[in-house]
Amino acid sequence: MLNNPDRAEAEDLITIQPVGLEDNELRMLKSLCTISSIAKGSRNRKYALATPGQGSHIYLVDARKADAYTRWRIANNVENVPALLIADPGYEANGSNKVAHRPLIPSRLLALLDNLPIALSAAA
């Protein structure tokens, strides 16, 4: 099962922890993870969803929900894991490549994930 971070590391999958995402965004993220993990040789990065409470390589955080942002900040104090903020149109990104604006487009989200610098040992 792809939601197991231990297996994800064994298969060199990068784990993603979604925090506060809407149901439709979570379904799209699950689909991206599945598609990326079964691509044979055509992808440098393959993704899997982390189990809640487990370490992960990347956090996807809903920027409009204060509790989601707070949960990421608390986790980040322990893990120091990068986050990609999911924000509404008009959210000031200040040139950051760590903000994805709604509506989420699968190819754009995948490109942002692929370009996000991560430490592969972060979820160990």
N, C-alpha and C. Protein backbone atom coordinates (compact mmCIF):
# COMPACT_ATOMS: atom_id res chain seq x y z
N MET A 1 0.84 -1.18 0.00
CA MET A 1 0.00 0.00 0.00
C MET A 1 0.88 1.24 0.00
N LEU A 2 0.59 2.21 -0.83
CA LEU A 2 1.43 3.38 -1.01
C LEU A 2 1.40 4.33 0.17
N ASN A 3 0.46 4.23 1.08
CA ASN A 3 0.37 5.16 2.19
C ASN A 3 1.29 4.81 3.34
N ASN A 4 2.14 3.82 3.19
CA ASN A 4 3.06 3.42 4.24
C ASN A 4 4.41 4.06 3.99
N PRO A 5 4.84 5.04 4.87
CA PRO A 5 6.10 5.72 4.62
C PRO A 5 7.32 4.80 4.67
N ASP A 6 7.27 3.72 5.47
CA ASP A 6 8.40 2.80 5.52
C ASP A 6 8.60 2.15 4.17
N ARG A 7 7.51 1.71 3.56
CA ARG A 7 7.60 1.12 2.23
C ARG A 7 8.00 2.18 1.21
N ALA A 8 7.49 3.38 1.39
CA ALA A 8 7.81 4.46 0.45
C ALA A 8 9.31 4.69 0.41
N GLU A 9 9.96 4.73 1.57
CA GLU A 9 11.40 4.93 1.58
C GLU A 9 12.12 3.76 0.93
N ALA A 10 11.64 2.55 1.20
CA ALA A 10 12.28 1.38 0.62
C ALA A 10 12.23 1.44 -0.90
N GLU A 11 11.19 2.04 -1.44
CA GLU A 11 11.04 2.13 -2.89
C GLU A 11 11.50 3.48 -3.43
N ASP A 12 12.18 4.29 -2.62
CA ASP A 12 12.63 5.61 -3.00
C ASP A 12 11.49 6.53 -3.40
N LEU A 13 10.35 6.37 -2.76
CA LEU A 13 9.23 7.27 -2.98
C LEU A 13 9.38 8.46 -2.03
N ILE A 14 8.96 9.61 -2.49
CA ILE A 14 8.95 10.81 -1.67
C ILE A 14 7.57 10.92 -1.05
N THR A 15 7.53 11.01 0.28
CA THR A 15 6.24 11.04 0.96
C THR A 15 5.75 12.47 1.12
N ILE A 16 4.44 12.61 0.96
CA ILE A 16 3.77 13.91 1.05
C ILE A 16 2.74 13.84 2.16
N GLN A 17 2.73 14.84 3.03
CA GLN A 17 1.75 14.94 4.10
C GLN A 17 0.81 16.11 3.79
N PRO A 18 -0.44 15.82 3.36
CA PRO A 18 -1.38 16.90 3.12
C PRO A 18 -1.96 17.40 4.45
N VAL A 19 -2.08 18.73 4.59
CA VAL A 19 -2.60 19.31 5.81
C VAL A 19 -3.71 20.30 5.45
N GLY A 20 -4.95 19.92 5.75
CA GLY A 20 -6.08 20.82 5.56
C GLY A 20 -6.61 20.95 4.16
N LEU A 21 -6.20 20.09 3.24
CA LEU A 21 -6.67 20.20 1.86
C LEU A 21 -8.14 19.83 1.74
N GLU A 22 -8.80 20.39 0.74
CA GLU A 22 -10.19 20.06 0.43
C GLU A 22 -10.24 18.63 -0.12
N ASP A 23 -11.41 18.01 -0.02
CA ASP A 23 -11.57 16.62 -0.48
C ASP A 23 -11.19 16.45 -1.94
N ASN A 24 -11.62 17.36 -2.81
CA ASN A 24 -11.30 17.22 -4.23
C ASN A 24 -9.79 17.37 -4.48
N GLU A 25 -9.13 18.23 -3.71
CA GLU A 25 -7.68 18.39 -3.84
C GLU A 25 -6.95 17.16 -3.35
N LEU A 26 -7.46 16.57 -2.28
CA LEU A 26 -6.86 15.35 -1.74
C LEU A 26 -7.01 14.19 -2.73
N ARG A 27 -8.16 14.08 -3.37
CA ARG A 27 -8.36 13.03 -4.38
C ARG A 27 -7.39 13.20 -5.55
N MET A 28 -7.21 14.45 -5.99
CA MET A 28 -6.27 14.71 -7.09
C MET A 28 -4.85 14.35 -6.66
N LEU A 29 -4.47 14.71 -5.44
CA LEU A 29 -3.14 14.40 -4.93
C LEU A 29 -2.92 12.89 -4.87
N LYS A 30 -3.92 12.16 -4.40
CA LYS A 30 -3.81 10.69 -4.36
C LYS A 30 -3.61 10.13 -5.76
N SER A 31 -4.33 10.66 -6.72
CA SER A 31 -4.18 10.20 -8.11
C SER A 31 -2.78 10.50 -8.64
N LEU A 32 -2.27 11.71 -8.36
CA LEU A 32 -0.91 12.05 -8.79
C LEU A 32 0.11 11.11 -8.18
N CYS A 33 -0.07 10.81 -6.90
CA CYS A 33 0.86 9.89 -6.23
C CYS A 33 0.82 8.51 -6.87
N THR A 34 -0.36 8.03 -7.14
CA THR A 34 -0.51 6.71 -7.76
C THR A 34 0.14 6.68 -9.14
N ILE A 35 -0.18 7.67 -9.95
CA ILE A 35 0.36 7.71 -11.31
C ILE A 35 1.88 7.83 -11.28
N SER A 36 2.41 8.71 -10.41
CA SER A 36 3.87 8.88 -10.37
C SER A 36 4.58 7.63 -9.87
N SER A 37 3.93 6.88 -8.98
CA SER A 37 4.59 5.71 -8.40
C SER A 37 4.61 4.51 -9.35
N ILE A 38 3.70 4.49 -10.33
CA ILE A 38 3.68 3.35 -11.24
C ILE A 38 4.37 3.65 -12.57
N ALA A 39 4.78 4.91 -12.77
CA ALA A 39 5.49 5.27 -14.00
C ALA A 39 6.84 4.55 -14.01
N LYS A 40 7.08 3.78 -15.01
CA LYS A 40 8.30 2.98 -15.08
C LYS A 40 9.40 3.73 -15.81
N GLY A 41 10.39 4.19 -15.04
CA GLY A 41 11.57 4.79 -15.63
C GLY A 41 11.40 6.18 -16.20
N SER A 42 10.18 6.66 -16.33
CA SER A 42 9.99 7.95 -16.97
C SER A 42 9.98 9.11 -15.99
N ARG A 43 10.05 8.84 -14.71
CA ARG A 43 10.02 9.91 -13.71
C ARG A 43 11.22 9.81 -12.78
N ASN A 44 11.80 10.96 -12.46
CA ASN A 44 12.89 11.00 -11.48
C ASN A 44 12.35 10.89 -10.07
N ARG A 45 11.17 11.43 -9.84
CA ARG A 45 10.56 11.41 -8.51
C ARG A 45 9.25 10.66 -8.56
N LYS A 46 9.06 9.86 -7.53
CA LYS A 46 7.80 9.13 -7.36
C LYS A 46 7.28 9.48 -5.98
N TYR A 47 5.96 9.67 -5.86
CA TYR A 47 5.36 10.18 -4.64
C TYR A 47 4.38 9.20 -4.02
N ALA A 48 4.24 9.32 -2.70
CA ALA A 48 3.25 8.55 -1.95
C ALA A 48 2.76 9.43 -0.81
N LEU A 49 1.51 9.22 -0.41
CA LEU A 49 0.98 9.96 0.73
C LEU A 49 1.52 9.36 2.02
N ALA A 50 1.93 10.22 2.92
CA ALA A 50 2.39 9.77 4.24
C ALA A 50 1.17 9.50 5.11
N THR A 51 1.31 8.57 6.02
CA THR A 51 0.27 8.29 6.99
C THR A 51 0.26 9.41 8.01
N PRO A 52 -0.91 9.91 8.42
CA PRO A 52 -0.94 10.98 9.43
C PRO A 52 -0.13 10.60 10.67
N GLY A 53 0.66 11.55 11.15
CA GLY A 53 1.49 11.31 12.32
C GLY A 53 2.86 10.75 12.01
N GLN A 54 3.08 10.36 10.77
CA GLN A 54 4.38 9.83 10.36
C GLN A 54 5.20 10.94 9.71
N GLY A 55 6.50 10.75 9.65
CA GLY A 55 7.37 11.71 8.99
C GLY A 55 7.11 11.74 7.50
N SER A 56 7.44 12.85 6.88
CA SER A 56 7.27 12.97 5.44
C SER A 56 8.37 13.86 4.87
N HIS A 57 8.48 13.86 3.56
CA HIS A 57 9.49 14.67 2.88
C HIS A 57 8.96 16.06 2.54
N ILE A 58 7.65 16.16 2.28
CA ILE A 58 7.02 17.41 1.86
C ILE A 58 5.66 17.54 2.55
N TYR A 59 5.33 18.74 2.96
CA TYR A 59 3.98 19.04 3.45
C TYR A 59 3.27 19.87 2.39
N LEU A 60 1.99 19.55 2.13
CA LEU A 60 1.12 20.39 1.31
C LEU A 60 0.12 21.01 2.27
N VAL A 61 0.16 22.33 2.42
CA VAL A 61 -0.59 23.02 3.45
C VAL A 61 -1.58 23.99 2.83
N ASP A 62 -2.84 23.91 3.27
CA ASP A 62 -3.86 24.85 2.82
C ASP A 62 -3.60 26.19 3.50
N ALA A 63 -3.20 27.19 2.71
CA ALA A 63 -2.80 28.49 3.25
C ALA A 63 -3.97 29.28 3.81
N ARG A 64 -5.21 28.96 3.42
CA ARG A 64 -6.35 29.73 3.92
C ARG A 64 -6.89 29.22 5.24
N LYS A 65 -6.35 28.09 5.72
CA LYS A 65 -6.81 27.52 6.99
C LYS A 65 -5.72 27.71 8.05
N ALA A 66 -6.01 28.58 9.00
CA ALA A 66 -5.02 28.90 10.04
C ALA A 66 -4.59 27.66 10.81
N ASP A 67 -5.53 26.75 11.09
CA ASP A 67 -5.18 25.55 11.86
C ASP A 67 -4.24 24.64 11.06
N ALA A 68 -4.40 24.57 9.75
CA ALA A 68 -3.50 23.75 8.91
C ALA A 68 -2.10 24.35 8.92
N TYR A 69 -2.03 25.67 8.79
CA TYR A 69 -0.73 26.34 8.81
C TYR A 69 -0.05 26.15 10.17
N THR A 70 -0.82 26.26 11.24
CA THR A 70 -0.28 26.07 12.60
C THR A 70 0.23 24.65 12.79
N ARG A 71 -0.54 23.65 12.31
CA ARG A 71 -0.10 22.25 12.44
C ARG A 71 1.21 22.03 11.69
N TRP A 72 1.35 22.63 10.50
CA TRP A 72 2.60 22.49 9.76
C TRP A 72 3.75 23.16 10.52
N ARG A 73 3.53 24.36 11.06
CA ARG A 73 4.59 25.07 11.78
C ARG A 73 5.07 24.26 12.99
N ILE A 74 4.14 23.63 13.70
CA ILE A 74 4.51 22.80 14.85
C ILE A 74 5.34 21.60 14.38
N ALA A 75 4.87 20.92 13.33
CA ALA A 75 5.60 19.77 12.79
C ALA A 75 6.96 20.20 12.24
N ASN A 76 7.02 21.36 11.62
CA ASN A 76 8.25 21.85 11.03
C ASN A 76 9.31 22.14 12.09
N ASN A 77 8.91 22.49 13.30
CA ASN A 77 9.87 22.71 14.38
C ASN A 77 10.60 21.43 14.73
N VAL A 78 9.95 20.29 14.52
CA VAL A 78 10.54 18.99 14.83
C VAL A 78 11.29 18.42 13.63
N GLU A 79 10.69 18.47 12.45
CA GLU A 79 11.22 17.80 11.27
C GLU A 79 11.99 18.68 10.30
N ASN A 80 11.70 19.98 10.25
CA ASN A 80 12.30 20.89 9.29
C ASN A 80 12.11 20.38 7.85
N VAL A 81 10.84 20.19 7.49
CA VAL A 81 10.46 19.66 6.19
C VAL A 81 9.83 20.79 5.37
N PRO A 82 10.17 20.89 4.08
CA PRO A 82 9.60 21.97 3.26
C PRO A 82 8.10 21.80 3.06
N ALA A 83 7.45 22.94 2.83
CA ALA A 83 6.02 22.94 2.58
C ALA A 83 5.73 23.63 1.26
N LEU A 84 4.71 23.13 0.60
CA LEU A 84 4.15 23.79 -0.56
C LEU A 84 2.79 24.30 -0.13
N LEU A 85 2.59 25.62 -0.15
CA LEU A 85 1.32 26.20 0.27
C LEU A 85 0.33 26.14 -0.88
N ILE A 86 -0.89 25.74 -0.58
CA ILE A 86 -1.97 25.73 -1.55
C ILE A 86 -2.83 26.95 -1.22
N ALA A 87 -2.87 27.92 -2.14
CA ALA A 87 -3.49 29.21 -1.84
C ALA A 87 -4.51 29.60 -2.89
N ASP A 88 -5.38 30.52 -2.49
CA ASP A 88 -6.37 31.06 -3.40
C ASP A 88 -5.71 32.04 -4.37
N PRO A 89 -6.36 32.29 -5.52
CA PRO A 89 -5.84 33.30 -6.44
C PRO A 89 -5.70 34.63 -5.70
N GLY A 90 -4.65 35.36 -6.00
CA GLY A 90 -4.42 36.63 -5.35
C GLY A 90 -3.53 36.55 -4.13
N TYR A 91 -3.26 35.33 -3.65
CA TYR A 91 -2.34 35.17 -2.52
C TYR A 91 -0.97 35.61 -2.98
N GLU A 92 -0.34 36.49 -2.24
CA GLU A 92 0.96 37.04 -2.63
C GLU A 92 2.06 36.01 -2.39
N ALA A 93 2.63 35.50 -3.46
CA ALA A 93 3.69 34.49 -3.37
C ALA A 93 5.07 35.11 -3.20
N ASN A 94 5.19 36.41 -3.46
CA ASN A 94 6.48 37.11 -3.36
C ASN A 94 7.59 36.39 -4.11
N GLY A 95 7.27 35.83 -5.27
CA GLY A 95 8.28 35.17 -6.09
C GLY A 95 8.65 33.77 -5.63
N SER A 96 8.01 33.27 -4.58
CA SER A 96 8.33 31.95 -4.06
C SER A 96 7.83 30.86 -5.00
N ASN A 97 8.62 29.80 -5.13
CA ASN A 97 8.19 28.64 -5.90
C ASN A 97 7.52 27.62 -4.99
N LYS A 98 7.15 28.04 -3.79
CA LYS A 98 6.54 27.13 -2.83
C LYS A 98 5.06 27.46 -2.60
N VAL A 99 4.42 28.06 -3.62
CA VAL A 99 3.01 28.38 -3.54
C VAL A 99 2.33 27.89 -4.81
N ALA A 100 1.28 27.11 -4.64
CA ALA A 100 0.44 26.66 -5.76
C ALA A 100 -0.91 27.35 -5.61
N HIS A 101 -1.32 28.05 -6.65
CA HIS A 101 -2.60 28.76 -6.59
C HIS A 101 -3.73 27.90 -7.11
N ARG A 102 -4.87 28.06 -6.46
CA ARG A 102 -6.08 27.39 -6.90
C ARG A 102 -6.62 28.10 -8.15
N PRO A 103 -7.30 27.39 -9.02
CA PRO A 103 -7.57 25.96 -8.95
C PRO A 103 -6.31 25.16 -9.26
N LEU A 104 -6.15 24.05 -8.56
CA LEU A 104 -4.98 23.21 -8.77
C LEU A 104 -5.10 22.48 -10.10
N ILE A 105 -4.05 22.55 -10.85
CA ILE A 105 -3.96 21.84 -12.13
C ILE A 105 -2.92 20.74 -11.92
N PRO A 106 -3.30 19.47 -12.16
CA PRO A 106 -2.40 18.36 -11.84
C PRO A 106 -0.98 18.52 -12.40
N SER A 107 -0.85 18.90 -13.66
CA SER A 107 0.49 19.01 -14.25
C SER A 107 1.30 20.12 -13.58
N ARG A 108 0.65 21.21 -13.22
CA ARG A 108 1.36 22.32 -12.55
C ARG A 108 1.77 21.91 -11.15
N LEU A 109 0.88 21.23 -10.42
CA LEU A 109 1.22 20.76 -9.07
C LEU A 109 2.38 19.78 -9.12
N LEU A 110 2.35 18.86 -10.07
CA LEU A 110 3.43 17.89 -10.21
C LEU A 110 4.76 18.58 -10.52
N ALA A 111 4.73 19.59 -11.38
CA ALA A 111 5.96 20.34 -11.70
C ALA A 111 6.50 21.05 -10.46
N LEU A 112 5.62 21.64 -9.66
CA LEU A 112 6.06 22.31 -8.43
C LEU A 112 6.68 21.30 -7.46
N LEU A 113 6.03 20.14 -7.31
CA LEU A 113 6.58 19.10 -6.43
C LEU A 113 7.94 18.63 -6.92
N ASP A 114 8.05 18.44 -8.23
CA ASP A 114 9.31 17.96 -8.80
C ASP A 114 10.45 18.95 -8.59
N ASN A 115 10.14 20.23 -8.52
CA ASN A 115 11.18 21.25 -8.37
C ASN A 115 11.42 21.67 -6.93
N LEU A 116 10.68 21.12 -5.99
CA LEU A 116 10.85 21.48 -4.59
C LEU A 116 12.05 20.74 -4.01
N PRO A 117 13.03 21.47 -3.49
CA PRO A 117 14.20 20.79 -2.92
C PRO A 117 13.83 20.07 -1.62
N ILE A 118 14.26 18.82 -1.52
CA ILE A 118 13.98 18.02 -0.33
C ILE A 118 15.22 17.27 0.09
N ALA A 119 15.21 16.86 1.35
CA ALA A 119 16.26 15.98 1.87
C ALA A 119 15.65 14.59 1.95
N LEU A 120 16.19 13.64 1.21
CA LEU A 120 15.60 12.30 1.18
C LEU A 120 15.65 11.61 2.56
N SER A 121 16.50 12.05 3.45
CA SER A 121 16.54 11.44 4.77
C SER A 121 15.55 12.09 5.72
N ALA A 122 14.78 13.08 5.28
CA ALA A 122 13.88 13.84 6.15
C ALA A 122 12.82 12.98 6.82
N ALA A 123 12.33 11.98 6.17
CA ALA A 123 11.25 11.17 6.74
C ALA A 123 11.75 9.94 7.44
N ALA A 124 13.03 9.81 7.63
CA ALA A 124 13.58 8.62 8.27
C ALA A 124 13.20 8.51 9.72
